[in-house]
Each structure stands twice: as C-alpha cells, then as structure tokens.
C-alpha atoms as a PDB file:
ATOM      1  CA  MET A   1      75.251   8.272 261.630  1.00  0.00           C
ATOM      2  CA  THR A   2      75.737   5.611 264.237  1.00  0.00           C
ATOM      3  CA  ASP A   3      76.582   2.573 262.102  1.00  0.00           C
ATOM      4  CA  THR A   4      79.875   2.072 260.326  1.00  0.00           C
ATOM      5  CA  PRO A   5      79.695   3.898 256.975  1.00  0.00           C
ATOM      6  CA  THR A   6      80.373   2.225 253.677  1.00  0.00           C
ATOM      7  CA  THR A   7      83.899   2.617 252.340  1.00  0.00           C
ATOM      8  CA  ALA A   8      85.482   1.897 248.986  1.00  0.00           C
ATOM      9  CA  THR A   9      88.542  -0.301 248.650  1.00  0.00           C
ATOM     10  CA  SER A  10      89.394   0.312 244.998  1.00  0.00           C
ATOM     11  CA  VAL A  11      87.711   3.114 243.088  1.00  0.00           C
ATOM     12  CA  GLY A  12      87.927   3.127 239.299  1.00  0.00           C
ATOM     13  CA  VAL A  13      86.927   5.909 236.880  1.00  0.00           C
ATOM     14  CA  ALA A  14      86.550   5.092 233.179  1.00  0.00           C
ATOM     15  CA  PRO A  15      85.546   7.834 230.702  1.00  0.00           C
ATOM     16  CA  LEU A  16      82.585   6.872 228.512  1.00  0.00           C
ATOM     17  CA  ALA A  17      82.790   9.556 225.807  1.00  0.00           C
ATOM     18  CA  GLY A  18      85.057  12.396 224.761  1.00  0.00           C
ATOM     19  CA  ASN A  19      83.058  15.267 226.226  1.00  0.00           C
ATOM     20  CA  ILE A  20      80.793  13.786 228.900  1.00  0.00           C
ATOM     21  CA  GLY A  21      80.336  10.810 231.170  1.00  0.00           C
ATOM     22  CA  ALA A  22      82.384   8.388 233.239  1.00  0.00           C
ATOM     23  CA  GLU A  23      81.690   5.054 234.906  1.00  0.00           C
ATOM     24  CA  ILE A  24      82.755   4.866 238.550  1.00  0.00           C
ATOM     25  CA  THR A  25      83.345   1.409 239.984  1.00  0.00           C
ATOM     26  CA  GLY A  26      84.425   0.124 243.384  1.00  0.00           C
ATOM     27  CA  VAL A  27      81.925   2.204 245.383  1.00  0.00           C
ATOM     28  CA  ASP A  28      78.980   0.625 247.183  1.00  0.00           C
ATOM     29  CA  THR A  29      76.230   3.237 247.576  1.00  0.00           C
ATOM     30  CA  GLY A  30      73.772   0.667 248.938  1.00  0.00           C
ATOM     31  CA  GLY A  31      74.985   1.042 252.494  1.00  0.00           C
ATOM     32  CA  LEU A  32      75.547   3.992 254.806  1.00  0.00           C
ATOM     33  CA  LEU A  33      77.658   6.815 253.437  1.00  0.00           C
ATOM     34  CA  THR A  34      80.018   9.070 255.363  1.00  0.00           C
ATOM     35  CA  ASP A  35      78.827  12.525 256.374  1.00  0.00           C
ATOM     36  CA  GLU A  36      81.522  13.961 254.108  1.00  0.00           C
ATOM     37  CA  ALA A  37      80.177  12.079 251.087  1.00  0.00           C
ATOM     38  CA  VAL A  38      76.627  13.283 251.750  1.00  0.00           C
ATOM     39  CA  THR A  39      77.821  16.893 252.216  1.00  0.00           C
ATOM     40  CA  ARG A  40      79.601  16.832 248.836  1.00  0.00           C
ATOM     41  CA  VAL A  41      76.398  15.879 247.057  1.00  0.00           C
ATOM     42  CA  GLY A  42      74.274  18.547 248.766  1.00  0.00           C
ATOM     43  CA  CYS A  43      70.865  18.920 250.429  1.00  0.00           C
ATOM     44  CA  PRO A  44      68.006  16.938 248.853  1.00  0.00           C
ATOM     45  CA  SER A  45      64.799  18.607 247.704  1.00  0.00           C
ATOM     46  CA  VAL A  46      61.343  17.051 247.784  1.00  0.00           C
ATOM     47  CA  SER A  47      60.072  15.332 244.638  1.00  0.00           C
ATOM     48  CA  GLY A  48      59.251  17.636 241.742  1.00  0.00           C
ATOM     49  CA  PRO A  49      56.448  20.183 242.046  1.00  0.00           C
ATOM     50  CA  SER A  50      53.030  18.706 241.175  1.00  0.00           C
ATOM     51  CA  LEU A  51      54.324  15.138 241.564  1.00  0.00           C
ATOM     52  CA  GLU A  52      53.546  12.802 244.448  1.00  0.00           C
ATOM     53  CA  SER A  53      56.157  10.874 246.426  1.00  0.00           C
ATOM     54  CA  PRO A  54      55.689   7.378 247.868  1.00  0.00           C
ATOM     55  CA  PRO A  55      54.109   7.399 251.351  1.00  0.00           C
ATOM     56  CA  GLY A  56      56.637   8.355 254.001  1.00  0.00           C
ATOM     57  CA  GLN A  57      59.353   9.169 251.445  1.00  0.00           C
ATOM     58  CA  PRO A  58      58.951  12.862 250.561  1.00  0.00           C
ATOM     59  CA  LEU A  59      62.419  13.103 248.998  1.00  0.00           C
ATOM     60  CA  LEU A  60      61.875  10.224 246.555  1.00  0.00           C
ATOM     61  CA  GLU A  61      60.210  10.272 243.143  1.00  0.00           C
ATOM     62  CA  GLU A  62      59.280   7.076 241.307  1.00  0.00           C
ATOM     63  CA  ILE A  63      59.785   6.966 237.526  1.00  0.00           C
ATOM     64  CA  ASP A  64      57.557   4.004 236.690  1.00  0.00           C
ATOM     65  CA  SER A  65      56.489   3.129 233.141  1.00  0.00           C
ATOM     66  CA  HIS A  66      53.443   1.264 234.482  1.00  0.00           C
ATOM     67  CA  LYS A  67      52.261   4.530 236.008  1.00  0.00           C
ATOM     68  CA  GLY A  68      52.846   6.614 232.899  1.00  0.00           C
ATOM     69  CA  GLY A  69      56.244   7.917 233.974  1.00  0.00           C
ATOM     70  CA  ARG A  70      58.693   8.576 231.167  1.00  0.00           C
ATOM     71  CA  ALA A  71      60.671  11.504 229.782  1.00  0.00           C
ATOM     72  CA  ASN A  72      61.465  10.744 226.146  1.00  0.00           C
ATOM     73  CA  TYR A  73      62.482  14.251 225.153  1.00  0.00           C
ATOM     74  CA  TRP A  74      65.597  16.347 225.786  1.00  0.00           C
ATOM     75  CA  HIS A  75      65.353  18.330 229.020  1.00  0.00           C
ATOM     76  CA  THR A  76      67.102  19.628 232.102  1.00  0.00           C
ATOM     77  CA  ASP A  77      65.214  18.668 235.255  1.00  0.00           C
ATOM     78  CA  VAL A  78      62.565  21.047 236.611  1.00  0.00           C
ATOM     79  CA  THR A  79      63.651  24.209 234.760  1.00  0.00           C
ATOM     80  CA  PHE A  80      60.104  25.558 235.020  1.00  0.00           C
ATOM     81  CA  VAL A  81      60.866  26.734 238.590  1.00  0.00           C
ATOM     82  CA  ASP A  82      63.315  29.448 239.609  1.00  0.00           C
ATOM     83  CA  ARG A  83      65.671  27.022 241.367  1.00  0.00           C
ATOM     84  CA  PRO A  84      66.137  23.862 239.283  1.00  0.00           C
ATOM     85  CA  PRO A  85      67.997  21.002 240.975  1.00  0.00           C
ATOM     86  CA  ALA A  86      71.764  21.208 241.117  1.00  0.00           C
ATOM     87  CA  VAL A  87      72.252  17.435 240.979  1.00  0.00           C
ATOM     88  CA  THR A  88      70.004  14.489 240.106  1.00  0.00           C
ATOM     89  CA  LEU A  89      70.485  10.888 241.282  1.00  0.00           C
ATOM     90  CA  LEU A  90      68.614   8.046 239.562  1.00  0.00           C
ATOM     91  CA  HIS A  91      68.670   4.457 240.836  1.00  0.00           C
ATOM     92  CA  ALA A  92      67.721   1.694 238.369  1.00  0.00           C
ATOM     93  CA  VAL A  93      65.297  -0.721 240.063  1.00  0.00           C
ATOM     94  CA  VAL A  94      63.587  -2.516 237.147  1.00  0.00           C
ATOM     95  CA  ILE A  95      65.189  -2.512 233.703  1.00  0.00           C
ATOM     96  CA  PRO A  96      63.658  -3.853 230.443  1.00  0.00           C
ATOM     97  CA  PRO A  97      65.524  -6.756 228.824  1.00  0.00           C
ATOM     98  CA  VAL A  98      66.058  -4.547 225.766  1.00  0.00           C
ATOM     99  CA  GLY A  99      65.868  -0.775 225.456  1.00  0.00           C
ATOM    100  CA  GLY A 100      65.312   1.986 227.994  1.00  0.00           C
ATOM    101  CA  ASP A 101      68.773   3.574 227.669  1.00  0.00           C
ATOM    102  CA  THR A 102      69.382   7.188 228.700  1.00  0.00           C
ATOM    103  CA  LEU A 103      71.271   9.860 226.775  1.00  0.00           C
ATOM    104  CA  TRP A 104      73.020  12.834 228.380  1.00  0.00           C
ATOM    105  CA  ALA A 105      74.367  15.960 226.672  1.00  0.00           C
ATOM    106  CA  ASN A 106      76.979  18.466 227.828  1.00  0.00           C
ATOM    107  CA  THR A 107      75.525  21.995 227.712  1.00  0.00           C
ATOM    108  CA  VAL A 108      78.905  23.589 228.471  1.00  0.00           C
ATOM    109  CA  THR A 109      80.701  22.163 225.431  1.00  0.00           C
ATOM    110  CA  ALA A 110      77.557  22.966 223.411  1.00  0.00           C
ATOM    111  CA  TYR A 111      77.883  26.624 224.380  1.00  0.00           C
ATOM    112  CA  GLN A 112      81.584  26.604 223.595  1.00  0.00           C
ATOM    113  CA  SER A 113      80.845  25.235 220.113  1.00  0.00           C
ATOM    114  CA  LEU A 114      78.564  28.151 219.165  1.00  0.00           C
ATOM    115  CA  PRO A 115      79.914  30.589 216.557  1.00  0.00           C
ATOM    116  CA  ALA A 116      81.132  33.791 218.223  1.00  0.00           C
ATOM    117  CA  GLU A 117      78.291  35.915 216.829  1.00  0.00           C
ATOM    118  CA  LEU A 118      75.657  33.439 218.046  1.00  0.00           C
ATOM    119  CA  ARG A 119      77.338  33.228 221.471  1.00  0.00           C
ATOM    120  CA  ASP A 120      77.152  37.014 221.794  1.00  0.00           C
ATOM    121  CA  LEU A 121      73.425  36.987 221.029  1.00  0.00           C
ATOM    122  CA  THR A 122      72.677  34.026 223.272  1.00  0.00           C
ATOM    123  CA  ASP A 123      74.485  35.628 226.214  1.00  0.00           C
ATOM    124  CA  ARG A 124      71.785  38.320 226.198  1.00  0.00           C
ATOM    125  CA  LEU A 125      68.676  36.155 225.695  1.00  0.00           C
ATOM    126  CA  ARG A 126      66.067  35.414 228.361  1.00  0.00           C
ATOM    127  CA  ILE A 127      63.787  32.393 227.930  1.00  0.00           C
ATOM    128  CA  VAL A 128      60.503  31.484 229.615  1.00  0.00           C
ATOM    129  CA  HIS A 129      60.237  27.851 230.814  1.00  0.00           C
ATOM    130  CA  THR A 130      56.975  26.186 231.836  1.00  0.00           C
ATOM    131  CA  ASN A 131      55.668  22.745 232.806  1.00  0.00           C
ATOM    132  CA  ASP A 132      52.521  23.433 230.745  1.00  0.00           C
ATOM    133  CA  HIS A 133      54.326  23.121 227.423  1.00  0.00           C
ATOM    134  CA  ASP A 134      55.787  19.839 226.152  1.00  0.00           C
ATOM    135  CA  TYR A 135      53.575  17.978 228.589  1.00  0.00           C
ATOM    136  CA  ASP A 136      50.209  19.222 227.285  1.00  0.00           C
ATOM    137  CA  TYR A 137      47.866  16.890 225.452  1.00  0.00           C
ATOM    138  CA  ALA A 138      47.943  18.825 222.184  1.00  0.00           C
ATOM    139  CA  SER A 139      51.709  18.492 222.004  1.00  0.00           C
ATOM    140  CA  LEU A 140      51.602  14.756 222.680  1.00  0.00           C
ATOM    141  CA  TYR A 141      48.837  14.036 220.210  1.00  0.00           C
ATOM    142  CA  GLY A 142      50.571  16.273 217.683  1.00  0.00           C
ATOM    143  CA  ARG A 143      53.621  13.984 217.908  1.00  0.00           C
ATOM    144  CA  GLY A 144      51.389  10.981 217.317  1.00  0.00           C
ATOM    145  CA  GLU A 145      51.879   9.465 220.772  1.00  0.00           C
ATOM    146  CA  ARG A 146      49.195   7.260 222.306  1.00  0.00           C
ATOM    147  CA  VAL A 147      48.147   8.592 225.705  1.00  0.00           C
ATOM    148  CA  ASP A 148      46.816   5.721 227.840  1.00  0.00           C
ATOM    149  CA  ALA A 149      44.960   6.150 231.139  1.00  0.00           C
ATOM    150  CA  ALA A 150      48.090   5.959 233.314  1.00  0.00           C
ATOM    151  CA  ARG A 151      49.946   8.469 231.152  1.00  0.00           C
ATOM    152  CA  ALA A 152      46.942  10.807 231.070  1.00  0.00           C
ATOM    153  CA  ALA A 153      46.669  10.732 234.868  1.00  0.00           C
ATOM    154  CA  GLN A 154      50.387  11.430 235.234  1.00  0.00           C
ATOM    155  CA  LEU A 155      50.130  14.370 232.835  1.00  0.00           C
ATOM    156  CA  GLU A 156      47.153  15.838 234.646  1.00  0.00           C
ATOM    157  CA  GLN A 157      48.999  15.647 237.939  1.00  0.00           C
ATOM    158  CA  PHE A 158      52.126  17.199 236.427  1.00  0.00           C
ATOM    159  CA  VAL A 159      50.283  20.320 235.249  1.00  0.00           C
ATOM    160  CA  SER A 160      47.909  20.542 238.232  1.00  0.00           C
ATOM    161  CA  THR A 161      49.921  23.606 239.228  1.00  0.00           C
ATOM    162  CA  VAL A 162      51.320  25.634 236.348  1.00  0.00           C
ATOM    163  CA  TYR A 163      54.733  27.273 236.656  1.00  0.00           C
ATOM    164  CA  HIS A 164      56.409  29.877 234.476  1.00  0.00           C
ATOM    165  CA  THR A 165      59.985  31.038 235.067  1.00  0.00           C
ATOM    166  CA  GLU A 166      62.230  33.417 233.164  1.00  0.00           C
ATOM    167  CA  HIS A 167      65.784  32.084 232.894  1.00  0.00           C
ATOM    168  CA  PRO A 168      68.910  33.361 231.145  1.00  0.00           C
ATOM    169  CA  ALA A 169      69.631  31.350 227.999  1.00  0.00           C
ATOM    170  CA  VAL A 170      73.188  31.046 229.299  1.00  0.00           C
ATOM    171  CA  ARG A 171      73.818  30.413 232.982  1.00  0.00           C
ATOM    172  CA  VAL A 172      77.135  30.757 234.769  1.00  0.00           C
ATOM    173  CA  HIS A 173      77.941  27.605 236.702  1.00  0.00           C
ATOM    174  CA  PRO A 174      78.170  28.558 240.391  1.00  0.00           C
ATOM    175  CA  GLU A 175      81.144  26.259 241.079  1.00  0.00           C
ATOM    176  CA  THR A 176      83.186  26.211 237.858  1.00  0.00           C
ATOM    177  CA  SER A 177      82.202  29.632 236.383  1.00  0.00           C
ATOM    178  CA  GLU A 178      81.720  27.884 233.036  1.00  0.00           C
ATOM    179  CA  ARG A 179      78.905  29.069 230.771  1.00  0.00           C
ATOM    180  CA  ALA A 180      76.189  26.546 229.940  1.00  0.00           C
ATOM    181  CA  LEU A 181      73.098  26.704 227.750  1.00  0.00           C
ATOM    182  CA  LEU A 182      69.875  26.550 229.783  1.00  0.00           C
ATOM    183  CA  LEU A 183      67.201  25.150 227.453  1.00  0.00           C
ATOM    184  CA  GLY A 184      65.437  21.807 226.971  1.00  0.00           C
ATOM    185  CA  GLY A 185      61.850  20.618 226.672  1.00  0.00           C
ATOM    186  CA  PHE A 186      60.393  23.137 229.127  1.00  0.00           C
ATOM    187  CA  ALA A 187      61.779  26.152 227.194  1.00  0.00           C
ATOM    188  CA  GLN A 188      58.747  27.833 225.632  1.00  0.00           C
ATOM    189  CA  ALA A 189      59.557  31.332 224.386  1.00  0.00           C
ATOM    190  CA  VAL A 190      62.423  33.793 223.939  1.00  0.00           C
ATOM    191  CA  LEU A 191      61.563  37.163 225.414  1.00  0.00           C
ATOM    192  CA  GLY A 192      61.357  39.946 222.839  1.00  0.00           C
ATOM    193  CA  PHE A 193      60.731  37.614 219.894  1.00  0.00           C
ATOM    194  CA  SER A 194      57.458  36.680 218.215  1.00  0.00           C
ATOM    195  CA  PRO A 195      56.441  32.985 218.326  1.00  0.00           C
ATOM    196  CA  ASP A 196      58.007  31.731 215.075  1.00  0.00           C
ATOM    197  CA  PRO A 197      61.484  33.311 215.493  1.00  0.00           C
ATOM    198  CA  SER A 198      61.370  32.329 219.169  1.00  0.00           C
ATOM    199  CA  ARG A 199      60.823  28.650 218.345  1.00  0.00           C
ATOM    200  CA  ASP A 200      63.487  28.805 215.628  1.00  0.00           C
ATOM    201  CA  LEU A 201      66.053  30.231 218.050  1.00  0.00           C
ATOM    202  CA  ILE A 202      65.327  27.561 220.645  1.00  0.00           C
ATOM    203  CA  ARG A 203      65.585  24.807 218.008  1.00  0.00           C
ATOM    204  CA  LEU A 204      68.845  26.233 216.674  1.00  0.00           C
ATOM    205  CA  LEU A 205      70.492  26.324 220.081  1.00  0.00           C
ATOM    206  CA  GLN A 206      69.064  22.944 221.048  1.00  0.00           C
ATOM    207  CA  ASP A 207      70.649  21.392 217.948  1.00  0.00           C
ATOM    208  CA  TYR A 208      74.092  22.374 219.235  1.00  0.00           C
ATOM    209  CA  ILE A 209      73.387  20.679 222.565  1.00  0.00           C
ATOM    210  CA  THR A 210      72.302  17.345 221.080  1.00  0.00           C
ATOM    211  CA  ARG A 211      75.113  16.959 218.546  1.00  0.00           C
ATOM    212  CA  PRO A 212      76.545  13.442 218.970  1.00  0.00           C
ATOM    213  CA  GLU A 213      79.927  14.879 219.964  1.00  0.00           C
ATOM    214  CA  ASN A 214      78.333  16.364 223.093  1.00  0.00           C
ATOM    215  CA  THR A 215      76.467  13.230 224.193  1.00  0.00           C
ATOM    216  CA  VAL A 216      76.869   9.892 225.935  1.00  0.00           C
ATOM    217  CA  ARG A 217      74.505   6.885 226.039  1.00  0.00           C
ATOM    218  CA  TRP A 218      74.129   4.555 229.011  1.00  0.00           C
ATOM    219  CA  ARG A 219      72.692   1.040 228.919  1.00  0.00           C
ATOM    220  CA  TRP A 220      71.212   0.441 232.359  1.00  0.00           C
ATOM    221  CA  ARG A 221      71.751  -2.539 234.622  1.00  0.00           C
ATOM    222  CA  GLU A 222      69.629  -3.170 237.691  1.00  0.00           C
ATOM    223  CA  GLY A 223      71.239  -1.469 240.663  1.00  0.00           C
ATOM    224  CA  ASP A 224      73.033   1.211 238.644  1.00  0.00           C
ATOM    225  CA  LEU A 225      73.125   4.695 240.150  1.00  0.00           C
ATOM    226  CA  ALA A 226      73.494   7.637 237.782  1.00  0.00           C
ATOM    227  CA  ILE A 227      74.502  11.039 239.148  1.00  0.00           C
ATOM    228  CA  TRP A 228      74.553  14.109 236.938  1.00  0.00           C
ATOM    229  CA  ASP A 229      75.127  17.837 237.223  1.00  0.00           C
ATOM    230  CA  ASN A 230      71.761  19.309 236.254  1.00  0.00           C
ATOM    231  CA  ARG A 231      73.380  22.731 235.849  1.00  0.00           C
ATOM    232  CA  ALA A 232      75.492  21.606 232.895  1.00  0.00           C
ATOM    233  CA  THR A 233      73.564  18.787 231.191  1.00  0.00           C
ATOM    234  CA  GLN A 234      70.385  17.686 229.458  1.00  0.00           C
ATOM    235  CA  HIS A 235      69.115  14.112 229.217  1.00  0.00           C
ATOM    236  CA  TYR A 236      66.674  11.942 227.263  1.00  0.00           C
ATOM    237  CA  ALA A 237      65.114   8.659 228.433  1.00  0.00           C
ATOM    238  CA  ILE A 238      64.645   6.519 225.325  1.00  0.00           C
ATOM    239  CA  PHE A 239      61.169   4.972 225.083  1.00  0.00           C
ATOM    240  CA  ASP A 240      61.832   1.874 222.955  1.00  0.00           C
ATOM    241  CA  TYR A 241      60.835  -0.878 225.383  1.00  0.00           C
ATOM    242  CA  GLN A 242      57.117  -0.948 224.476  1.00  0.00           C
ATOM    243  CA  GLY A 243      55.107  -2.714 227.197  1.00  0.00           C
ATOM    244  CA  ALA A 244      58.105  -3.850 229.262  1.00  0.00           C
ATOM    245  CA  HIS A 245      58.483  -2.524 232.794  1.00  0.00           C
ATOM    246  CA  ARG A 246      61.016   0.219 233.567  1.00  0.00           C
ATOM    247  CA  ARG A 247      61.234   1.708 237.053  1.00  0.00           C
ATOM    248  CA  GLY A 248      63.702   4.028 238.684  1.00  0.00           C
ATOM    249  CA  GLU A 249      63.937   5.985 241.928  1.00  0.00           C
ATOM    250  CA  ARG A 250      64.971   9.612 241.629  1.00  0.00           C
ATOM    251  CA  VAL A 251      66.263  12.099 244.187  1.00  0.00           C
ATOM    252  CA  THR A 252      67.233  15.674 243.402  1.00  0.00           C
ATOM    253  CA  VAL A 253      69.563  18.042 245.230  1.00  0.00           C
ATOM    254  CA  ALA A 254      68.438  21.621 245.755  1.00  0.00           C
ATOM    255  CA  GLY A 255      70.121  24.141 243.488  1.00  0.00           C
ATOM    256  CA  PRO A 256      70.634  27.911 243.490  1.00  0.00           C
ATOM    257  CA  VAL A 257      68.811  30.461 241.336  1.00  0.00           C
ATOM    258  CA  PRO A 258      70.570  30.477 237.928  1.00  0.00           C
ATOM    259  CA  VAL A 259      72.483  33.641 237.082  1.00  0.00           C
ATOM    260  CA  GLY A 260      73.189  34.897 233.579  1.00  0.00           C
ATOM    261  CA  VAL A 261      76.346  36.307 232.054  1.00  0.00           C
ATOM    262  CA  ASP A 262      75.135  39.820 232.934  1.00  0.00           C
ATOM    263  CA  GLY A 263      74.605  38.856 236.586  1.00  0.00           C
ATOM    264  CA  ARG A 264      70.800  38.848 236.356  1.00  0.00           C
ATOM    265  CA  PRO A 265      69.119  35.943 238.172  1.00  0.00           C
ATOM    266  CA  SER A 266      66.175  33.863 237.031  1.00  0.00           C
ATOM    267  CA  VAL A 267      62.720  35.168 237.961  1.00  0.00           C
ATOM    268  CA  ALA A 268      59.627  33.163 238.920  1.00  0.00           C
ATOM    269  CA  LEU A 269      56.664  34.483 236.939  1.00  0.00           C
ATOM    270  CA  ARG A 270      53.875  32.113 237.957  1.00  0.00           C
ATOM    271  CA  GLY A 271      53.490  29.403 240.601  1.00  0.00           C
ATOM    272  CA  ASP A 272      54.968  29.146 244.087  1.00  0.00           C
ATOM    273  CA  ALA A 273      57.607  26.402 244.219  1.00  0.00           C
ATOM    274  CA  SER A 274      58.925  27.222 247.698  1.00  0.00           C
ATOM    275  CA  ALA A 275      57.697  23.888 249.105  1.00  0.00           C
ATOM    276  CA  TYR A 276      59.967  22.162 246.582  1.00  0.00           C
ATOM    277  CA  TYR A 277      63.024  23.329 248.519  1.00  0.00           C
ATOM    278  CA  ALA A 278      61.749  22.064 251.879  1.00  0.00           C
ATOM    279  CA  GLY A 279      64.518  19.459 252.025  1.00  0.00           C
ATOM    280  CA  GLU A 280      67.165  22.085 252.657  1.00  0.00           C
END
C-alpha cells in the first residue's frame, strides 16, 4: 500500500451480551488499512457459489432487499460447500428506519451446554448440508412466505448449481481448539438416520444454539461494519421491515475444511466449489 494507512487513536471494546458480541469503537475502516490488519483477517474468497458479484468486484456480494436478498433463518454462511468461510464482514449501506436487526448465536457455548450423553452422540454425527434445501420453493411456500419476482429470481440463481457436503456435527476450531456445533439452515440430514429422526436430531441441537443465553441482537446504523467468526457462530437477519429498503455489502474470508472431533474432515459430495476459493 502506497498511501498512509488508517490508524486508530482510541479503541474501545464494549461487550454486548454475556456469551457473544462486542462493539468496537475508535477504528475507521473506511480508509486504507495496514498490511498487518489485513493479514489478521485473512484472504478473501469470491462471492458465494451460484451468486453474482457487482461488475468488477468479484470479492463483493450485495445483500439487497429490492433484489430479493434476505436470510431470515438461522444459518452459518455457505456450509453447503466443503470449505465454508472462516470470517464474514458485512457493511451496512442502507438501513430501514425500523427493523432489519441481525441476531448472532454462539455455537461453542451451545455445544458446551449440551448434556454429556448428547455431547457424546453429537461428537460422532455426520450431517449433509445443501443449498437446495431451505431455499427451495416448496419450503418457502410451506412457511407461508410470498415469493415475488425478485425473490424468485434470486432463489433460482442460488440453486443454479446444487451442492451437497458432509460435515461433522461438531467441528474443532482450527485456532482455539474449541468444539462448535456445525448446523443451521443448510443442514439437511444426519447420516445413518431415517428422515424423521434425522430432522428431530437437527431441531434438538439447533434449539440449544438459539437459546437466548447464547445470542446477541444488533440494531444497525448506516456505516456499521460487522465481523464474525463463521466457524463458531450462526446468524439470522430479521425480516420485519416490509417494503423498506435494506442493503448491505458482504465479503467473506476463505476458511479451511472443517475437521471433526475424530479428526475426519468434511467431504464434498456434489458440486465443484473450487472457484469459490479463487481469492486466496
């Protein structure tokens, strides 16, 4: 970088909830950052598989309500591929006057809160994730949602290439060695279980993740930048702003293949997502 990088004069960190979240003040991310700061975040990946980026900005993804973009369900980003992002950054560009908050949940404390017998079982489970699951039309209509033309086009693009990946239900964090539940809206089936018990197991574990004690809620302001560890969290973008405009710009940082408690890595079953990691 040739220009003078942005520096912080007084950095403040204020916890937002008991188990997750903090507000960092005194840092201007609108200017140039030091090479050290960029290195700590990691290498960006291109926008999610099956989604288009703005012209000339292959690393950027727009989350625009006027184009059908929203994610009002609990999920961890892009778990339908074998290397989900390590970190996600979301910049608030247009915020509704009311509504449009985001919830995050801590999947590490959720795992720690499981009864010992359930933890032992979950440590051994493998779960198939796919993008052709919560996003399909039958699921949306079954929940009573109205699918307008923009939303329908966004959904068609999202599933234009179908991915299936087998992940451990519990991943070991590559930096902290903590165990975290790997579930969310793309989790479709537990290997070795028939459909009904499989869905029940996923719901049971998901309930531990979304307990209020494990969550934090953020009310956006224009210009806010949220950064979260995608390896240890889930999130939910609340859709309560009706026809108001909500737009954000998202960048993801390439992550490693998740590894389970037994040392077994995730396995791609369908779909080639190698182009997704082109930013490395």
